[in-house]
N, C-alpha and C. Protein backbone atom coordinates (compact mmCIF):
# COMPACT_ATOMS: atom_id res chain seq x y z
N MET A 1 -34.94 107.35 -113.49
CA MET A 1 -34.19 107.26 -114.72
C MET A 1 -33.47 108.56 -115.04
N GLY A 2 -33.72 109.62 -114.30
CA GLY A 2 -32.99 110.86 -114.57
C GLY A 2 -33.73 111.80 -115.48
N ASN A 3 -32.96 112.68 -116.09
CA ASN A 3 -33.52 113.72 -116.94
C ASN A 3 -33.88 113.16 -118.32
N ASP A 4 -35.15 113.30 -118.70
CA ASP A 4 -35.61 112.81 -119.99
C ASP A 4 -35.53 113.89 -121.07
N PHE A 5 -34.99 115.05 -120.76
CA PHE A 5 -34.93 116.15 -121.71
C PHE A 5 -33.57 116.21 -122.38
N VAL A 6 -33.58 116.52 -123.66
CA VAL A 6 -32.34 116.73 -124.39
C VAL A 6 -32.42 118.08 -125.07
N LYS A 7 -31.28 118.64 -125.40
CA LYS A 7 -31.22 119.92 -126.11
C LYS A 7 -31.25 119.64 -127.60
N VAL A 8 -32.18 120.27 -128.32
CA VAL A 8 -32.24 120.13 -129.77
C VAL A 8 -32.13 121.50 -130.40
N GLU A 9 -31.70 121.53 -131.63
CA GLU A 9 -31.58 122.79 -132.37
C GLU A 9 -32.72 122.87 -133.36
N LEU A 10 -33.47 123.98 -133.33
CA LEU A 10 -34.59 124.19 -134.24
C LEU A 10 -34.26 125.33 -135.19
N SER A 11 -34.59 125.14 -136.45
CA SER A 11 -34.41 126.24 -137.39
C SER A 11 -35.49 127.29 -137.13
N GLN A 12 -35.28 128.49 -137.63
CA GLN A 12 -36.30 129.53 -137.49
C GLN A 12 -37.59 129.11 -138.19
N PHE A 13 -37.46 128.36 -139.28
CA PHE A 13 -38.64 127.85 -139.98
C PHE A 13 -39.47 126.96 -139.06
N MET A 14 -38.79 126.07 -138.32
CA MET A 14 -39.52 125.17 -137.41
C MET A 14 -40.16 125.94 -136.27
N VAL A 15 -39.47 126.95 -135.73
CA VAL A 15 -40.05 127.76 -134.67
C VAL A 15 -41.31 128.45 -135.18
N ALA A 16 -41.25 129.01 -136.38
CA ALA A 16 -42.42 129.68 -136.96
C ALA A 16 -43.56 128.69 -137.17
N ALA A 17 -43.24 127.48 -137.64
CA ALA A 17 -44.27 126.47 -137.88
C ALA A 17 -44.93 126.04 -136.56
N ILE A 18 -44.13 125.88 -135.52
CA ILE A 18 -44.67 125.51 -134.21
C ILE A 18 -45.57 126.62 -133.67
N MET A 19 -45.12 127.86 -133.79
CA MET A 19 -45.94 128.98 -133.32
C MET A 19 -47.25 129.07 -134.09
N GLN A 20 -47.18 128.85 -135.41
CA GLN A 20 -48.39 128.93 -136.22
C GLN A 20 -49.40 127.88 -135.79
N LYS A 21 -48.92 126.71 -135.43
CA LYS A 21 -49.83 125.62 -135.07
C LYS A 21 -50.29 125.67 -133.62
N PHE A 22 -49.41 126.08 -132.69
CA PHE A 22 -49.70 125.92 -131.27
C PHE A 22 -49.87 127.21 -130.48
N ALA A 23 -49.44 128.36 -131.01
CA ALA A 23 -49.49 129.59 -130.23
C ALA A 23 -50.92 130.00 -129.92
N LEU A 24 -51.10 130.59 -128.77
CA LEU A 24 -52.41 131.08 -128.35
C LEU A 24 -52.36 132.61 -128.27
N TYR A 25 -53.43 133.24 -128.68
CA TYR A 25 -53.51 134.69 -128.67
C TYR A 25 -54.73 135.13 -127.87
N ASP A 26 -54.62 136.26 -127.19
CA ASP A 26 -55.75 136.78 -126.43
C ASP A 26 -56.71 137.52 -127.35
N GLU A 27 -57.76 138.08 -126.76
CA GLU A 27 -58.80 138.74 -127.56
C GLU A 27 -58.30 139.97 -128.31
N ASP A 28 -57.15 140.52 -127.87
CA ASP A 28 -56.56 141.67 -128.57
C ASP A 28 -55.57 141.25 -129.66
N GLY A 29 -55.40 139.94 -129.81
CA GLY A 29 -54.47 139.45 -130.83
C GLY A 29 -53.03 139.38 -130.36
N ASP A 30 -52.80 139.59 -129.06
CA ASP A 30 -51.44 139.51 -128.51
C ASP A 30 -51.11 138.07 -128.14
N LEU A 31 -49.86 137.70 -128.36
CA LEU A 31 -49.40 136.35 -128.03
C LEU A 31 -49.47 136.13 -126.52
N ILE A 32 -50.06 135.01 -126.11
CA ILE A 32 -50.09 134.65 -124.70
C ILE A 32 -48.77 133.99 -124.35
N THR A 33 -48.05 134.55 -123.40
CA THR A 33 -46.75 134.02 -123.02
C THR A 33 -46.78 133.36 -121.65
N ASP A 34 -47.93 133.31 -120.99
CA ASP A 34 -48.04 132.68 -119.69
C ASP A 34 -47.91 131.17 -119.84
N ALA A 35 -46.94 130.59 -119.18
CA ALA A 35 -46.66 129.16 -119.32
C ALA A 35 -47.84 128.28 -118.91
N ASP A 36 -48.70 128.76 -118.02
CA ASP A 36 -49.84 127.95 -117.57
C ASP A 36 -50.84 127.68 -118.69
N GLU A 37 -50.79 128.47 -119.75
CA GLU A 37 -51.74 128.31 -120.86
C GLU A 37 -51.33 127.18 -121.82
N TYR A 38 -50.10 126.71 -121.71
CA TYR A 38 -49.55 125.77 -122.68
C TYR A 38 -49.22 124.43 -122.07
N GLY A 39 -49.46 123.37 -122.83
CA GLY A 39 -49.00 122.04 -122.45
C GLY A 39 -47.70 121.75 -123.18
N PRO A 40 -47.09 120.60 -122.90
CA PRO A 40 -45.84 120.26 -123.57
C PRO A 40 -46.05 119.96 -125.05
N ILE A 41 -45.06 120.25 -125.85
CA ILE A 41 -45.06 119.95 -127.28
C ILE A 41 -43.87 119.04 -127.55
N VAL A 42 -44.12 117.91 -128.20
CA VAL A 42 -43.03 116.98 -128.52
C VAL A 42 -42.38 117.44 -129.81
N VAL A 43 -41.07 117.59 -129.77
CA VAL A 43 -40.30 118.05 -130.92
C VAL A 43 -39.25 117.00 -131.24
N GLU A 44 -39.16 116.63 -132.50
CA GLU A 44 -38.12 115.70 -132.91
C GLU A 44 -36.97 116.49 -133.52
N GLY A 45 -35.77 116.06 -133.27
CA GLY A 45 -34.62 116.74 -133.83
C GLY A 45 -33.35 115.98 -133.51
N ARG A 46 -32.24 116.52 -133.97
CA ARG A 46 -30.97 115.86 -133.68
C ARG A 46 -30.40 116.42 -132.39
N LEU A 47 -29.72 115.57 -131.66
CA LEU A 47 -29.13 115.96 -130.39
C LEU A 47 -28.02 116.97 -130.63
N VAL A 48 -28.02 118.05 -129.85
CA VAL A 48 -26.99 119.08 -129.96
C VAL A 48 -26.07 118.92 -128.76
N THR A 49 -24.79 118.77 -129.02
CA THR A 49 -23.85 118.65 -127.91
C THR A 49 -23.51 120.03 -127.38
N ASP A 50 -23.20 120.07 -126.12
CA ASP A 50 -22.80 121.32 -125.49
C ASP A 50 -21.31 121.51 -125.73
N GLU A 51 -20.95 122.38 -126.65
CA GLU A 51 -19.56 122.55 -127.05
C GLU A 51 -18.70 123.23 -126.00
N ARG A 52 -19.32 123.77 -124.94
CA ARG A 52 -18.56 124.42 -123.88
C ARG A 52 -17.88 123.43 -122.97
N ASN A 53 -18.32 122.19 -122.95
CA ASN A 53 -17.72 121.17 -122.07
C ASN A 53 -16.67 120.37 -122.78
C-alpha cells in the first residue's frame, strides 16, 4: 500500500505535551535521545502540504 506516513505540523505546545508524557530520562536527569529506547507515538493533526512542489 505504500508509505503510511504523512507530514503533520505540531505546535510547540503539543511538542512540550508529548515530551512531558513520553520522554525518558536517565539517572542523571538527561533526556534519552537514543531511538532504540522509544516506540512509535500516534499523533493526530492536519495534513501539511509540501509547498516546495
